[in-house]
Amino acid sequence: MTIVNLVFGRVVDLILLPFRTLSPWFGMIAASLVTALLMLEVYKLTSDQAAIRRAKDRIKAHLYEMRLYKDNMRVTLAAQGAILKANLAYMGANLKPLAVMIVPLVLVLAQLSLWFDRSPLKPGEEALVKAGLEASADPVALDLALETPPGLEITAPAVRIADVPHTDSPTERGQLP
């Protein structure tokens, strides 16, 4: 798995290299376009286009049948059942391409997450650090302290804000309607 991840990482790195100095949106759009084009090609090569076309044609035919015989309940219900059956055939014809595409898409999404999900702090940028404690924990007795690496500084003292249960009703919050 490490080799596959390394290969996909290099491919994504090569695709996104020209966009490194630009806004992340440009890189995301480029990666999306390349991925979409590749997945369309994979879909075309792995899908049974004749079966998909037949299922779509059956769905259309039964929709026309429902429209033409809308006053006949028996024909309408039979057409709805036939539409459901044709829709299941359509979804079945799409399972093979989707099964083939799922693995590469997960790998690509994992690589894009590494690129765009998080970003390091830039010089001069401020960040808020939050710590969640269990309800039974006493923050004063724990003697918590934030240690920063060289180059980062703490600009504000620690603040403790006790959790207050959120309510949606104005009267429960003590406000009048």
N, C-alpha and C. Protein backbone atom coordinates (compact mmCIF):
# COMPACT_ATOMS: atom_id res chain seq x y z
N MET A 1 0.83 -1.20 0.00
CA MET A 1 0.00 0.00 0.00
C MET A 1 0.87 1.26 0.00
N THR A 2 2.01 1.17 0.65
CA THR A 2 2.91 2.32 0.71
C THR A 2 3.38 2.71 -0.69
N ILE A 3 3.67 1.72 -1.52
CA ILE A 3 4.13 1.99 -2.89
C ILE A 3 3.03 2.70 -3.68
N VAL A 4 1.80 2.20 -3.56
CA VAL A 4 0.67 2.80 -4.28
C VAL A 4 0.47 4.24 -3.82
N ASN A 5 0.52 4.46 -2.52
CA ASN A 5 0.36 5.81 -1.98
C ASN A 5 1.49 6.72 -2.44
N LEU A 6 2.68 6.20 -2.50
CA LEU A 6 3.83 6.98 -2.97
C LEU A 6 3.67 7.37 -4.44
N VAL A 7 3.24 6.41 -5.27
CA VAL A 7 3.05 6.68 -6.70
C VAL A 7 1.95 7.73 -6.89
N PHE A 8 0.81 7.54 -6.23
CA PHE A 8 -0.27 8.51 -6.37
C PHE A 8 0.16 9.88 -5.82
N GLY A 9 0.94 9.88 -4.75
CA GLY A 9 1.43 11.14 -4.21
C GLY A 9 2.29 11.89 -5.21
N ARG A 10 3.17 11.17 -5.90
CA ARG A 10 4.04 11.80 -6.92
C ARG A 10 3.22 12.32 -8.09
N VAL A 11 2.22 11.55 -8.53
CA VAL A 11 1.36 11.99 -9.64
C VAL A 11 0.63 13.27 -9.26
N VAL A 12 0.04 13.29 -8.07
CA VAL A 12 -0.68 14.49 -7.62
C VAL A 12 0.29 15.65 -7.45
N ASP A 13 1.49 15.39 -6.93
CA ASP A 13 2.50 16.44 -6.80
C ASP A 13 2.85 17.05 -8.16
N LEU A 14 3.02 16.20 -9.18
CA LEU A 14 3.35 16.70 -10.52
C LEU A 14 2.21 17.53 -11.10
N ILE A 15 0.98 17.09 -10.88
CA ILE A 15 -0.18 17.84 -11.41
C ILE A 15 -0.30 19.19 -10.72
N LEU A 16 -0.06 19.22 -9.42
CA LEU A 16 -0.27 20.45 -8.66
C LEU A 16 0.96 21.35 -8.56
N LEU A 17 2.10 20.88 -9.02
CA LEU A 17 3.34 21.67 -8.93
C LEU A 17 3.22 23.06 -9.56
N PRO A 18 2.64 23.21 -10.75
CA PRO A 18 2.54 24.55 -11.33
C PRO A 18 1.62 25.50 -10.55
N PHE A 19 0.77 24.94 -9.70
CA PHE A 19 -0.21 25.76 -8.98
C PHE A 19 0.20 26.04 -7.54
N ARG A 20 1.40 25.67 -7.17
CA ARG A 20 1.85 25.78 -5.79
C ARG A 20 1.86 27.22 -5.29
N THR A 21 2.19 28.18 -6.15
CA THR A 21 2.28 29.57 -5.72
C THR A 21 0.95 30.31 -5.87
N LEU A 22 -0.03 29.68 -6.51
CA LEU A 22 -1.33 30.31 -6.73
C LEU A 22 -2.30 29.95 -5.62
N SER A 23 -3.50 30.48 -5.73
CA SER A 23 -4.56 30.16 -4.79
C SER A 23 -4.85 28.65 -4.86
N PRO A 24 -5.20 28.03 -3.75
CA PRO A 24 -5.51 26.60 -3.76
C PRO A 24 -6.64 26.23 -4.72
N TRP A 25 -7.51 27.17 -5.01
CA TRP A 25 -8.63 26.89 -5.92
C TRP A 25 -8.15 26.45 -7.30
N PHE A 26 -7.08 27.05 -7.78
CA PHE A 26 -6.58 26.68 -9.10
C PHE A 26 -6.09 25.23 -9.11
N GLY A 27 -5.39 24.84 -8.09
CA GLY A 27 -4.91 23.46 -7.99
C GLY A 27 -6.07 22.47 -7.85
N MET A 28 -7.08 22.84 -7.06
CA MET A 28 -8.23 21.96 -6.89
C MET A 28 -9.00 21.81 -8.21
N ILE A 29 -9.14 22.89 -8.94
CA ILE A 29 -9.84 22.83 -10.23
C ILE A 29 -9.05 21.97 -11.22
N ALA A 30 -7.73 22.14 -11.26
CA ALA A 30 -6.91 21.34 -12.18
C ALA A 30 -6.98 19.86 -11.82
N ALA A 31 -6.86 19.55 -10.54
CA ALA A 31 -6.94 18.14 -10.12
C ALA A 31 -8.32 17.57 -10.40
N SER A 32 -9.35 18.36 -10.21
CA SER A 32 -10.72 17.90 -10.49
C SER A 32 -10.92 17.61 -11.96
N LEU A 33 -10.41 18.49 -12.82
CA LEU A 33 -10.56 18.27 -14.26
C LEU A 33 -9.81 17.03 -14.73
N VAL A 34 -8.59 16.86 -14.27
CA VAL A 34 -7.81 15.69 -14.67
C VAL A 34 -8.48 14.41 -14.16
N THR A 35 -8.93 14.43 -12.91
CA THR A 35 -9.60 13.27 -12.34
C THR A 35 -10.89 12.96 -13.09
N ALA A 36 -11.67 13.98 -13.39
CA ALA A 36 -12.93 13.78 -14.11
C ALA A 36 -12.69 13.17 -15.50
N LEU A 37 -11.71 13.68 -16.21
CA LEU A 37 -11.41 13.15 -17.53
C LEU A 37 -10.96 11.69 -17.47
N LEU A 38 -10.11 11.39 -16.50
CA LEU A 38 -9.65 10.00 -16.35
C LEU A 38 -10.80 9.07 -15.95
N MET A 39 -11.66 9.53 -15.06
CA MET A 39 -12.77 8.69 -14.62
C MET A 39 -13.80 8.50 -15.74
N LEU A 40 -13.99 9.50 -16.58
CA LEU A 40 -14.88 9.33 -17.74
C LEU A 40 -14.33 8.28 -18.69
N GLU A 41 -13.04 8.28 -18.88
CA GLU A 41 -12.41 7.27 -19.75
C GLU A 41 -12.53 5.87 -19.15
N VAL A 42 -12.31 5.76 -17.85
CA VAL A 42 -12.45 4.47 -17.17
C VAL A 42 -13.90 4.00 -17.27
N TYR A 43 -14.84 4.90 -17.08
CA TYR A 43 -16.26 4.54 -17.16
C TYR A 43 -16.62 4.05 -18.56
N LYS A 44 -16.10 4.75 -19.56
CA LYS A 44 -16.39 4.35 -20.95
C LYS A 44 -15.83 2.97 -21.26
N LEU A 45 -14.64 2.67 -20.75
CA LEU A 45 -13.99 1.39 -21.04
C LEU A 45 -14.58 0.23 -20.25
N THR A 46 -15.12 0.47 -19.08
CA THR A 46 -15.58 -0.62 -18.22
C THR A 46 -17.08 -0.82 -18.19
N SER A 47 -17.84 0.11 -18.74
CA SER A 47 -19.30 -0.02 -18.65
C SER A 47 -19.86 -0.73 -19.87
N ASP A 48 -21.00 -1.35 -19.69
CA ASP A 48 -21.73 -2.00 -20.78
C ASP A 48 -22.73 -0.97 -21.31
N GLN A 49 -22.29 -0.21 -22.31
CA GLN A 49 -23.11 0.89 -22.83
C GLN A 49 -24.43 0.40 -23.41
N ALA A 50 -24.44 -0.78 -24.01
CA ALA A 50 -25.69 -1.30 -24.60
C ALA A 50 -26.71 -1.59 -23.50
N ALA A 51 -26.27 -2.18 -22.40
CA ALA A 51 -27.19 -2.47 -21.29
C ALA A 51 -27.71 -1.17 -20.66
N ILE A 52 -26.85 -0.19 -20.55
CA ILE A 52 -27.28 1.09 -19.99
C ILE A 52 -28.29 1.75 -20.91
N ARG A 53 -28.02 1.73 -22.20
CA ARG A 53 -28.94 2.32 -23.17
C ARG A 53 -30.30 1.61 -23.15
N ARG A 54 -30.29 0.26 -23.09
CA ARG A 54 -31.54 -0.50 -23.03
C ARG A 54 -32.35 -0.14 -21.79
N ALA A 55 -31.68 -0.06 -20.65
CA ALA A 55 -32.38 0.27 -19.40
C ALA A 55 -32.96 1.68 -19.46
N LYS A 56 -32.21 2.63 -19.98
CA LYS A 56 -32.72 4.00 -20.10
C LYS A 56 -33.90 4.06 -21.06
N ASP A 57 -33.81 3.32 -22.17
CA ASP A 57 -34.91 3.30 -23.13
C ASP A 57 -36.17 2.69 -22.51
N ARG A 58 -36.00 1.64 -21.71
CA ARG A 58 -37.15 1.03 -21.04
C ARG A 58 -37.78 2.01 -20.06
N ILE A 59 -36.96 2.72 -19.33
CA ILE A 59 -37.49 3.71 -18.38
C ILE A 59 -38.30 4.76 -19.13
N LYS A 60 -37.74 5.28 -20.22
CA LYS A 60 -38.46 6.29 -21.01
C LYS A 60 -39.77 5.73 -21.56
N ALA A 61 -39.72 4.49 -22.07
CA ALA A 61 -40.93 3.89 -22.64
C ALA A 61 -42.02 3.75 -21.59
N HIS A 62 -41.67 3.33 -20.41
CA HIS A 62 -42.67 3.16 -19.36
C HIS A 62 -43.16 4.51 -18.83
N LEU A 63 -42.31 5.52 -18.87
CA LEU A 63 -42.79 6.87 -18.52
C LEU A 63 -43.82 7.36 -19.53
N TYR A 64 -43.56 7.11 -20.82
CA TYR A 64 -44.55 7.45 -21.85
C TYR A 64 -45.84 6.66 -21.64
N GLU A 65 -45.68 5.39 -21.28
CA GLU A 65 -46.84 4.54 -21.03
C GLU A 65 -47.69 5.12 -19.89
N MET A 66 -47.04 5.56 -18.84
CA MET A 66 -47.77 6.18 -17.72
C MET A 66 -48.49 7.44 -18.17
N ARG A 67 -47.84 8.21 -19.01
CA ARG A 67 -48.42 9.47 -19.50
C ARG A 67 -49.63 9.20 -20.40
N LEU A 68 -49.49 8.19 -21.28
CA LEU A 68 -50.58 7.88 -22.22
C LEU A 68 -51.78 7.26 -21.53
N TYR A 69 -51.52 6.40 -20.56
CA TYR A 69 -52.62 5.67 -19.91
C TYR A 69 -52.80 6.14 -18.47
N LYS A 70 -52.72 7.45 -18.26
CA LYS A 70 -52.81 7.97 -16.90
C LYS A 70 -54.18 7.76 -16.26
N ASP A 71 -55.20 7.48 -17.07
CA ASP A 71 -56.54 7.26 -16.53
C ASP A 71 -56.76 5.80 -16.14
N ASN A 72 -55.88 4.91 -16.53
CA ASN A 72 -56.02 3.49 -16.23
C ASN A 72 -55.04 3.15 -15.09
N MET A 73 -55.59 2.93 -13.90
CA MET A 73 -54.77 2.71 -12.71
C MET A 73 -53.93 1.44 -12.83
N ARG A 74 -54.49 0.36 -13.38
CA ARG A 74 -53.77 -0.90 -13.50
C ARG A 74 -52.55 -0.74 -14.40
N VAL A 75 -52.71 -0.08 -15.53
CA VAL A 75 -51.60 0.12 -16.46
C VAL A 75 -50.54 1.04 -15.84
N THR A 76 -50.98 2.07 -15.13
CA THR A 76 -50.06 3.00 -14.50
C THR A 76 -49.22 2.31 -13.43
N LEU A 77 -49.85 1.49 -12.59
CA LEU A 77 -49.11 0.77 -11.55
C LEU A 77 -48.15 -0.24 -12.17
N ALA A 78 -48.58 -0.93 -13.22
CA ALA A 78 -47.69 -1.88 -13.90
C ALA A 78 -46.49 -1.15 -14.51
N ALA A 79 -46.74 0.03 -15.07
CA ALA A 79 -45.65 0.82 -15.65
C ALA A 79 -44.68 1.27 -14.56
N GLN A 80 -45.20 1.64 -13.40
CA GLN A 80 -44.31 2.04 -12.30
C GLN A 80 -43.44 0.87 -11.84
N GLY A 81 -44.02 -0.31 -11.77
CA GLY A 81 -43.24 -1.50 -11.42
C GLY A 81 -42.17 -1.79 -12.47
N ALA A 82 -42.52 -1.61 -13.74
CA ALA A 82 -41.55 -1.84 -14.82
C ALA A 82 -40.45 -0.78 -14.78
N ILE A 83 -40.78 0.44 -14.41
CA ILE A 83 -39.76 1.50 -14.26
C ILE A 83 -38.80 1.13 -13.13
N LEU A 84 -39.33 0.63 -12.03
CA LEU A 84 -38.47 0.22 -10.93
C LEU A 84 -37.53 -0.90 -11.36
N LYS A 85 -38.05 -1.87 -12.08
CA LYS A 85 -37.23 -2.99 -12.57
C LYS A 85 -36.15 -2.49 -13.54
N ALA A 86 -36.51 -1.60 -14.46
CA ALA A 86 -35.53 -1.05 -15.41
C ALA A 86 -34.50 -0.20 -14.69
N ASN A 87 -34.92 0.52 -13.65
CA ASN A 87 -33.99 1.34 -12.88
C ASN A 87 -32.98 0.46 -12.14
N LEU A 88 -33.44 -0.69 -11.62
CA LEU A 88 -32.51 -1.62 -10.98
C LEU A 88 -31.51 -2.19 -11.99
N ALA A 89 -31.98 -2.46 -13.21
CA ALA A 89 -31.08 -2.94 -14.26
C ALA A 89 -30.06 -1.85 -14.62
N TYR A 90 -30.50 -0.61 -14.66
CA TYR A 90 -29.62 0.52 -14.95
C TYR A 90 -28.55 0.65 -13.86
N MET A 91 -28.96 0.57 -12.60
CA MET A 91 -28.00 0.67 -11.50
C MET A 91 -27.05 -0.52 -11.51
N GLY A 92 -27.56 -1.71 -11.85
CA GLY A 92 -26.70 -2.88 -11.94
C GLY A 92 -25.65 -2.75 -13.02
N ALA A 93 -26.02 -2.13 -14.14
CA ALA A 93 -25.07 -1.93 -15.23
C ALA A 93 -23.98 -0.92 -14.85
N ASN A 94 -24.26 -0.09 -13.87
CA ASN A 94 -23.29 0.91 -13.43
C ASN A 94 -22.40 0.44 -12.28
N LEU A 95 -22.69 -0.73 -11.73
CA LEU A 95 -21.90 -1.20 -10.58
C LEU A 95 -20.46 -1.53 -10.96
N LYS A 96 -20.23 -2.16 -12.09
CA LYS A 96 -18.88 -2.54 -12.48
C LYS A 96 -17.97 -1.31 -12.64
N PRO A 97 -18.39 -0.29 -13.41
CA PRO A 97 -17.51 0.88 -13.51
C PRO A 97 -17.29 1.58 -12.17
N LEU A 98 -18.33 1.62 -11.34
CA LEU A 98 -18.16 2.27 -10.04
C LEU A 98 -17.21 1.48 -9.15
N ALA A 99 -17.27 0.15 -9.22
CA ALA A 99 -16.35 -0.66 -8.43
C ALA A 99 -14.91 -0.47 -8.90
N VAL A 100 -14.72 -0.30 -10.20
CA VAL A 100 -13.37 -0.08 -10.73
C VAL A 100 -12.85 1.30 -10.34
N MET A 101 -13.73 2.29 -10.31
CA MET A 101 -13.31 3.67 -10.05
C MET A 101 -13.12 4.00 -8.58
N ILE A 102 -13.71 3.23 -7.67
CA ILE A 102 -13.70 3.62 -6.26
C ILE A 102 -12.29 3.65 -5.67
N VAL A 103 -11.46 2.67 -6.00
CA VAL A 103 -10.11 2.62 -5.40
C VAL A 103 -9.25 3.80 -5.84
N PRO A 104 -9.15 4.08 -7.15
CA PRO A 104 -8.33 5.25 -7.52
C PRO A 104 -8.89 6.56 -6.98
N LEU A 105 -10.21 6.68 -6.91
CA LEU A 105 -10.79 7.92 -6.39
C LEU A 105 -10.47 8.12 -4.91
N VAL A 106 -10.52 7.06 -4.14
CA VAL A 106 -10.17 7.17 -2.71
C VAL A 106 -8.71 7.58 -2.56
N LEU A 107 -7.84 7.00 -3.38
CA LEU A 107 -6.42 7.37 -3.32
C LEU A 107 -6.20 8.83 -3.71
N VAL A 108 -6.88 9.27 -4.75
CA VAL A 108 -6.74 10.67 -5.19
C VAL A 108 -7.28 11.61 -4.12
N LEU A 109 -8.43 11.28 -3.55
CA LEU A 109 -9.01 12.13 -2.50
C LEU A 109 -8.11 12.19 -1.27
N ALA A 110 -7.46 11.08 -0.94
CA ALA A 110 -6.53 11.09 0.20
C ALA A 110 -5.36 12.03 -0.09
N GLN A 111 -4.83 11.98 -1.31
CA GLN A 111 -3.71 12.86 -1.67
C GLN A 111 -4.15 14.33 -1.67
N LEU A 112 -5.33 14.59 -2.22
CA LEU A 112 -5.83 15.98 -2.23
C LEU A 112 -6.09 16.49 -0.82
N SER A 113 -6.50 15.59 0.05
CA SER A 113 -6.68 15.98 1.45
C SER A 113 -5.36 16.39 2.08
N LEU A 114 -4.29 15.67 1.73
CA LEU A 114 -2.97 16.04 2.25
C LEU A 114 -2.54 17.41 1.73
N TRP A 115 -2.94 17.74 0.53
CA TRP A 115 -2.56 19.03 -0.07
C TRP A 115 -3.41 20.19 0.45
N PHE A 116 -4.72 19.98 0.57
CA PHE A 116 -5.62 21.11 0.79
C PHE A 116 -6.36 21.12 2.12
N ASP A 117 -6.30 20.04 2.89
CA ASP A 117 -7.10 19.96 4.10
C ASP A 117 -6.57 20.86 5.21
N ARG A 118 -5.30 20.89 5.36
CA ARG A 118 -4.67 21.68 6.42
C ARG A 118 -3.56 22.52 5.81
N SER A 119 -3.26 23.63 6.47
CA SER A 119 -2.13 24.44 6.01
C SER A 119 -1.38 24.95 7.24
N PRO A 120 -0.09 25.11 7.13
CA PRO A 120 0.69 25.61 8.27
C PRO A 120 0.40 27.09 8.50
N LEU A 121 0.68 27.53 9.70
CA LEU A 121 0.53 28.95 10.00
C LEU A 121 1.54 29.76 9.21
N LYS A 122 1.07 30.88 8.70
CA LYS A 122 1.97 31.80 7.99
C LYS A 122 2.53 32.80 9.00
N PRO A 123 3.67 33.41 8.71
CA PRO A 123 4.23 34.40 9.63
C PRO A 123 3.24 35.53 9.89
N GLY A 124 3.01 35.82 11.16
CA GLY A 124 2.09 36.88 11.55
C GLY A 124 0.64 36.41 11.69
N GLU A 125 0.35 35.20 11.30
CA GLU A 125 -1.01 34.69 11.39
C GLU A 125 -1.29 34.22 12.82
N GLU A 126 -2.49 34.51 13.30
CA GLU A 126 -2.86 34.11 14.64
C GLU A 126 -3.73 32.87 14.60
N ALA A 127 -3.67 32.09 15.66
CA ALA A 127 -4.48 30.88 15.76
C ALA A 127 -5.02 30.77 17.18
N LEU A 128 -6.17 30.16 17.30
CA LEU A 128 -6.80 29.93 18.59
C LEU A 128 -6.68 28.45 18.90
N VAL A 129 -6.15 28.13 20.07
CA VAL A 129 -5.99 26.75 20.49
C VAL A 129 -7.08 26.44 21.51
N LYS A 130 -7.87 25.40 21.22
CA LYS A 130 -8.93 25.00 22.14
C LYS A 130 -8.61 23.62 22.69
N ALA A 131 -8.92 23.42 23.96
CA ALA A 131 -8.74 22.10 24.58
C ALA A 131 -10.07 21.69 25.18
N GLY A 132 -10.51 20.50 24.86
CA GLY A 132 -11.75 19.98 25.43
C GLY A 132 -11.43 19.03 26.56
N LEU A 133 -12.12 19.19 27.68
CA LEU A 133 -11.91 18.34 28.84
C LEU A 133 -13.20 17.62 29.19
N GLU A 134 -13.05 16.52 29.87
CA GLU A 134 -14.23 15.81 30.35
C GLU A 134 -14.94 16.67 31.38
N ALA A 135 -16.23 16.45 31.55
CA ALA A 135 -17.02 17.26 32.46
C ALA A 135 -16.53 17.14 33.90
N SER A 136 -15.97 15.99 34.27
CA SER A 136 -15.52 15.80 35.65
C SER A 136 -14.13 16.36 35.90
N ALA A 137 -13.41 16.77 34.87
CA ALA A 137 -12.04 17.26 35.03
C ALA A 137 -12.03 18.67 35.60
N ASP A 138 -11.08 18.93 36.48
CA ASP A 138 -10.90 20.26 37.06
C ASP A 138 -9.68 20.90 36.40
N PRO A 139 -9.89 21.90 35.50
CA PRO A 139 -8.76 22.49 34.77
C PRO A 139 -7.73 23.17 35.67
N VAL A 140 -8.15 23.69 36.81
CA VAL A 140 -7.22 24.36 37.71
C VAL A 140 -6.29 23.32 38.35
N ALA A 141 -6.85 22.19 38.75
CA ALA A 141 -6.05 21.16 39.41
C ALA A 141 -5.10 20.47 38.42
N LEU A 142 -5.44 20.47 37.14
CA LEU A 142 -4.59 19.81 36.14
C LEU A 142 -3.33 20.60 35.83
N ASP A 143 -3.33 21.87 36.11
CA ASP A 143 -2.17 22.74 35.85
C ASP A 143 -1.74 22.64 34.38
N LEU A 144 -2.67 22.96 33.50
CA LEU A 144 -2.42 22.89 32.05
C LEU A 144 -1.55 24.06 31.61
N ALA A 145 -0.67 23.78 30.64
CA ALA A 145 0.19 24.83 30.08
C ALA A 145 0.39 24.54 28.60
N LEU A 146 0.47 25.60 27.81
CA LEU A 146 0.71 25.47 26.37
C LEU A 146 2.17 25.77 26.10
N GLU A 147 2.85 24.80 25.48
CA GLU A 147 4.25 24.99 25.12
C GLU A 147 4.32 25.23 23.62
N THR A 148 5.08 26.22 23.20
CA THR A 148 5.18 26.53 21.77
C THR A 148 6.60 26.26 21.28
N PRO A 149 6.71 25.87 20.05
CA PRO A 149 8.05 25.67 19.48
C PRO A 149 8.70 27.03 19.19
N PRO A 150 9.99 27.04 18.89
CA PRO A 150 10.65 28.31 18.57
C PRO A 150 10.00 28.95 17.34
N GLY A 151 9.84 30.24 17.39
CA GLY A 151 9.23 30.97 16.28
C GLY A 151 7.76 31.28 16.51
N LEU A 152 7.13 30.60 17.48
CA LEU A 152 5.74 30.89 17.83
C LEU A 152 5.70 31.52 19.21
N GLU A 153 4.78 32.44 19.37
CA GLU A 153 4.65 33.07 20.68
C GLU A 153 3.20 33.12 21.09
N ILE A 154 2.98 33.08 22.39
CA ILE A 154 1.64 33.16 22.95
C ILE A 154 1.35 34.64 23.18
N THR A 155 0.29 35.15 22.58
CA THR A 155 0.00 36.58 22.66
C THR A 155 -1.14 36.91 23.60
N ALA A 156 -1.82 35.90 24.14
CA ALA A 156 -2.93 36.16 25.05
C ALA A 156 -2.91 35.10 26.15
N PRO A 157 -3.39 35.47 27.32
CA PRO A 157 -3.43 34.49 28.42
C PRO A 157 -4.52 33.44 28.17
N ALA A 158 -4.42 32.34 28.89
CA ALA A 158 -5.42 31.28 28.78
C ALA A 158 -6.76 31.77 29.34
N VAL A 159 -7.82 31.33 28.71
CA VAL A 159 -9.17 31.70 29.13
C VAL A 159 -9.97 30.43 29.30
N ARG A 160 -10.72 30.32 30.39
CA ARG A 160 -11.57 29.15 30.61
C ARG A 160 -13.02 29.58 30.43
N ILE A 161 -13.68 28.89 29.51
CA ILE A 161 -15.10 29.14 29.27
C ILE A 161 -15.83 27.83 29.49
N ALA A 162 -16.65 27.79 30.50
CA ALA A 162 -17.39 26.56 30.80
C ALA A 162 -18.46 26.34 29.73
N ASP A 163 -18.66 25.08 29.37
CA ASP A 163 -19.70 24.75 28.39
C ASP A 163 -21.07 25.06 28.95
N VAL A 164 -21.87 25.72 28.14
CA VAL A 164 -23.24 26.01 28.49
C VAL A 164 -24.11 25.23 27.52
N PRO A 165 -25.07 24.44 28.02
CA PRO A 165 -25.92 23.69 27.09
C PRO A 165 -26.66 24.65 26.16
N HIS A 166 -26.66 24.31 24.88
CA HIS A 166 -27.34 25.14 23.88
C HIS A 166 -28.80 24.74 23.80
N THR A 167 -29.68 25.74 23.75
CA THR A 167 -31.10 25.49 23.57
C THR A 167 -31.59 26.34 22.42
N ASP A 168 -32.61 25.84 21.75
CA ASP A 168 -33.16 26.57 20.62
C ASP A 168 -34.34 27.45 21.00
N SER A 169 -34.91 27.20 22.16
CA SER A 169 -36.09 27.95 22.54
C SER A 169 -35.69 29.26 23.23
N PRO A 170 -36.21 30.41 22.75
CA PRO A 170 -35.87 31.68 23.39
C PRO A 170 -36.33 31.74 24.84
N THR A 171 -37.45 31.10 25.19
CA THR A 171 -37.95 31.16 26.55
C THR A 171 -37.06 30.34 27.49
N GLU A 172 -36.44 29.25 26.98
CA GLU A 172 -35.54 28.48 27.81
C GLU A 172 -34.25 29.23 28.09
N ARG A 173 -33.87 30.17 27.22
CA ARG A 173 -32.66 30.96 27.43
C ARG A 173 -32.96 32.21 28.26
N GLY A 174 -34.18 32.35 28.69
CA GLY A 174 -34.53 33.51 29.51
C GLY A 174 -34.93 34.71 28.67
N GLN A 175 -35.18 34.54 27.40
CA GLN A 175 -35.60 35.64 26.53
C GLN A 175 -37.08 35.52 26.26
N LEU A 176 -37.73 36.63 26.18
CA LEU A 176 -39.14 36.63 25.85
C LEU A 176 -39.32 36.62 24.35
N PRO A 177 -40.39 35.96 23.86
CA PRO A 177 -40.63 35.94 22.42
C PRO A 177 -40.95 37.30 21.84
